[in-house]
Amino acid sequence: MAFGHRWTSQYGEADDGTWLHRLRDLTPQQVAAGIEATETSGEDWPPTLPAFRARCLGRRGAEFGLDYTPEVYRKGPPESDPARLLSSDERKEQREENLRRWRELRQKVGI
């Protein structure tokens, strides 16, 4: 995936933390799926952050709004109890775990 000037003209030379913040709850496999979907999209311009996130989650099209409760706020797989939301402490633990995973992913890819 090489957008060159098209990327830097939209987003600058380096992430200001926005992309990291919005993608922190995704697994490395989900991010890889988003990259693959972007590479095979045939688009000339890089996707917006919401569009890239949707690609990571296997969704196409809807960039604005959510029609679901994000998995990060659920405990266990959605089928276990879809209405069960995490407590504040559980969300904090989840965020810390996701940040740890993101740092590992960044280290693996050399960012």
C-alpha atoms as a PDB file:
ATOM      1  CA  MET A   1       0.000   0.000   0.000  1.00  0.00           C
ATOM      2  CA  ALA A   2       1.765   3.111  -1.179  1.00  0.00           C
ATOM      3  CA  PHE A   3      -0.221   6.338  -1.301  1.00  0.00           C
ATOM      4  CA  GLY A   4       2.854   8.579  -1.066  1.00  0.00           C
ATOM      5  CA  HIS A   5       1.952  12.254  -1.375  1.00  0.00           C
ATOM      6  CA  ARG A   6      -1.749  11.492  -1.214  1.00  0.00           C
ATOM      7  CA  TRP A   7      -1.270  10.112   2.294  1.00  0.00           C
ATOM      8  CA  THR A   8       0.954  12.908   3.575  1.00  0.00           C
ATOM      9  CA  SER A   9      -1.254  15.614   2.077  1.00  0.00           C
ATOM     10  CA  GLN A  10      -4.214  14.236   4.037  1.00  0.00           C
ATOM     11  CA  TYR A  11      -2.600  13.016   7.245  1.00  0.00           C
ATOM     12  CA  GLY A  12       0.941  14.406   7.465  1.00  0.00           C
ATOM     13  CA  GLU A  13       4.242  12.607   7.877  1.00  0.00           C
ATOM     14  CA  ALA A  14       3.346  10.844  11.144  1.00  0.00           C
ATOM     15  CA  ASP A  15       0.273   9.984  13.178  1.00  0.00           C
ATOM     16  CA  ASP A  16      -0.590  12.632  15.762  1.00  0.00           C
ATOM     17  CA  GLY A  17      -2.119   9.889  17.912  1.00  0.00           C
ATOM     18  CA  THR A  18      -5.564  10.015  16.322  1.00  0.00           C
ATOM     19  CA  TRP A  19      -5.221   6.767  14.362  1.00  0.00           C
ATOM     20  CA  LEU A  20      -3.568   5.000  17.289  1.00  0.00           C
ATOM     21  CA  HIS A  21      -6.379   6.111  19.592  1.00  0.00           C
ATOM     22  CA  ARG A  22      -9.185   4.994  17.251  1.00  0.00           C
ATOM     23  CA  LEU A  23      -7.569   1.651  16.340  1.00  0.00           C
ATOM     24  CA  ARG A  24      -6.234   0.695  19.783  1.00  0.00           C
ATOM     25  CA  ASP A  25      -8.970  -1.833  20.491  1.00  0.00           C
ATOM     26  CA  LEU A  26      -8.376  -3.803  17.287  1.00  0.00           C
ATOM     27  CA  THR A  27      -6.349  -6.984  17.129  1.00  0.00           C
ATOM     28  CA  PRO A  28      -3.287  -7.256  14.873  1.00  0.00           C
ATOM     29  CA  GLN A  29      -5.319  -9.607  12.665  1.00  0.00           C
ATOM     30  CA  GLN A  30      -8.070  -7.008  12.274  1.00  0.00           C
ATOM     31  CA  VAL A  31      -5.553  -4.306  11.346  1.00  0.00           C
ATOM     32  CA  ALA A  32      -3.970  -6.691   8.827  1.00  0.00           C
ATOM     33  CA  ALA A  33      -7.437  -7.327   7.352  1.00  0.00           C
ATOM     34  CA  GLY A  34      -7.968  -3.578   7.018  1.00  0.00           C
ATOM     35  CA  ILE A  35      -4.622  -3.165   5.269  1.00  0.00           C
ATOM     36  CA  GLU A  36      -5.407  -6.024   2.903  1.00  0.00           C
ATOM     37  CA  ALA A  37      -8.869  -4.615   2.143  1.00  0.00           C
ATOM     38  CA  THR A  38      -7.300  -1.228   1.414  1.00  0.00           C
ATOM     39  CA  GLU A  39      -4.627  -2.733  -0.826  1.00  0.00           C
ATOM     40  CA  THR A  40      -7.213  -4.640  -2.853  1.00  0.00           C
ATOM     41  CA  SER A  41      -9.752  -1.796  -3.001  1.00  0.00           C
ATOM     42  CA  GLY A  42      -8.198  -0.256  -6.095  1.00  0.00           C
ATOM     43  CA  GLU A  43      -8.785   3.222  -4.690  1.00  0.00           C
ATOM     44  CA  ASP A  44      -6.342   5.980  -5.576  1.00  0.00           C
ATOM     45  CA  TRP A  45      -6.679   7.859  -2.279  1.00  0.00           C
ATOM     46  CA  PRO A  46      -6.166   6.522   1.245  1.00  0.00           C
ATOM     47  CA  PRO A  47      -9.300   5.782   3.249  1.00  0.00           C
ATOM     48  CA  THR A  48     -10.565   7.987   6.031  1.00  0.00           C
ATOM     49  CA  LEU A  49     -10.010   6.704   9.545  1.00  0.00           C
ATOM     50  CA  PRO A  50     -13.658   5.595   9.934  1.00  0.00           C
ATOM     51  CA  ALA A  51     -13.514   3.826   6.557  1.00  0.00           C
ATOM     52  CA  PHE A  52     -10.254   2.060   7.463  1.00  0.00           C
ATOM     53  CA  ARG A  53     -11.666   1.001  10.840  1.00  0.00           C
ATOM     54  CA  ALA A  54     -14.741  -0.392   9.077  1.00  0.00           C
ATOM     55  CA  ARG A  55     -12.458  -2.371   6.754  1.00  0.00           C
ATOM     56  CA  CYS A  56     -10.588  -3.759   9.747  1.00  0.00           C
ATOM     57  CA  LEU A  57     -13.905  -4.953  11.154  1.00  0.00           C
ATOM     58  CA  GLY A  58     -14.977  -6.441   7.826  1.00  0.00           C
ATOM     59  CA  ARG A  59     -17.557  -3.752   7.120  1.00  0.00           C
ATOM     60  CA  ARG A  60     -17.917  -1.671   4.004  1.00  0.00           C
ATOM     61  CA  GLY A  61     -19.587   1.663   3.436  1.00  0.00           C
ATOM     62  CA  ALA A  62     -20.922   3.036   6.705  1.00  0.00           C
ATOM     63  CA  GLU A  63     -18.407   5.520   8.023  1.00  0.00           C
ATOM     64  CA  PHE A  64     -20.544   7.481  10.443  1.00  0.00           C
ATOM     65  CA  GLY A  65     -22.363   6.260  13.503  1.00  0.00           C
ATOM     66  CA  LEU A  66     -22.480   2.871  15.137  1.00  0.00           C
ATOM     67  CA  ASP A  67     -25.336   0.431  14.991  1.00  0.00           C
ATOM     68  CA  TYR A  68     -23.865  -1.810  17.678  1.00  0.00           C
ATOM     69  CA  THR A  69     -22.131  -1.718  21.036  1.00  0.00           C
ATOM     70  CA  PRO A  70     -18.373  -1.961  20.441  1.00  0.00           C
ATOM     71  CA  GLU A  71     -16.896  -5.248  21.600  1.00  0.00           C
ATOM     72  CA  VAL A  72     -14.439  -3.428  23.860  1.00  0.00           C
ATOM     73  CA  TYR A  73     -17.398  -2.560  26.127  1.00  0.00           C
ATOM     74  CA  ARG A  74     -18.619  -6.141  26.340  1.00  0.00           C
ATOM     75  CA  LYS A  75     -17.405  -8.937  28.530  1.00  0.00           C
ATOM     76  CA  GLY A  76     -16.618 -12.126  26.646  1.00  0.00           C
ATOM     77  CA  PRO A  77     -17.863 -13.048  23.211  1.00  0.00           C
ATOM     78  CA  PRO A  78     -21.045 -11.220  22.146  1.00  0.00           C
ATOM     79  CA  GLU A  79     -23.071 -14.432  22.178  1.00  0.00           C
ATOM     80  CA  SER A  80     -22.376 -14.976  25.909  1.00  0.00           C
ATOM     81  CA  ASP A  81     -24.482 -11.993  27.010  1.00  0.00           C
ATOM     82  CA  PRO A  82     -24.777  -9.189  24.489  1.00  0.00           C
ATOM     83  CA  ALA A  83     -26.386  -6.835  27.000  1.00  0.00           C
ATOM     84  CA  ARG A  84     -23.587  -7.185  29.580  1.00  0.00           C
ATOM     85  CA  LEU A  85     -21.441  -4.049  29.514  1.00  0.00           C
ATOM     86  CA  LEU A  86     -18.066  -3.804  31.204  1.00  0.00           C
ATOM     87  CA  SER A  87     -17.603  -1.821  34.388  1.00  0.00           C
ATOM     88  CA  SER A  88     -15.297   1.183  34.426  1.00  0.00           C
ATOM     89  CA  ASP A  89     -12.495  -0.899  35.953  1.00  0.00           C
ATOM     90  CA  GLU A  90     -12.994  -3.668  33.393  1.00  0.00           C
ATOM     91  CA  ARG A  91     -12.887  -1.116  30.550  1.00  0.00           C
ATOM     92  CA  LYS A  92      -9.664   0.291  32.002  1.00  0.00           C
ATOM     93  CA  GLU A  93      -8.130  -3.214  32.111  1.00  0.00           C
ATOM     94  CA  GLN A  94      -9.314  -3.836  28.540  1.00  0.00           C
ATOM     95  CA  ARG A  95      -7.790  -0.551  27.340  1.00  0.00           C
ATOM     96  CA  GLU A  96      -4.483  -1.392  29.030  1.00  0.00           C
ATOM     97  CA  GLU A  97      -4.443  -4.829  27.405  1.00  0.00           C
ATOM     98  CA  ASN A  98      -5.275  -3.329  24.013  1.00  0.00           C
ATOM     99  CA  LEU A  99      -2.526  -0.741  24.417  1.00  0.00           C
ATOM    100  CA  ARG A 100      -0.065  -3.508  25.289  1.00  0.00           C
ATOM    101  CA  ARG A 101      -1.103  -5.416  22.146  1.00  0.00           C
ATOM    102  CA  TRP A 102      -0.842  -2.285  20.018  1.00  0.00           C
ATOM    103  CA  ARG A 103       2.683  -1.619  21.301  1.00  0.00           C
ATOM    104  CA  GLU A 104       3.642  -5.213  20.481  1.00  0.00           C
ATOM    105  CA  LEU A 105       2.227  -4.822  16.976  1.00  0.00           C
ATOM    106  CA  ARG A 106       4.064  -1.541  16.440  1.00  0.00           C
ATOM    107  CA  GLN A 107       7.276  -3.140  17.632  1.00  0.00           C
ATOM    108  CA  LYS A 108       6.804  -6.101  15.267  1.00  0.00           C
ATOM    109  CA  VAL A 109       6.295  -3.873  12.250  1.00  0.00           C
ATOM    110  CA  GLY A 110       9.049  -1.455  13.282  1.00  0.00           C
ATOM    111  CA  ILE A 111       6.991   1.675  13.920  1.00  0.00           C
END
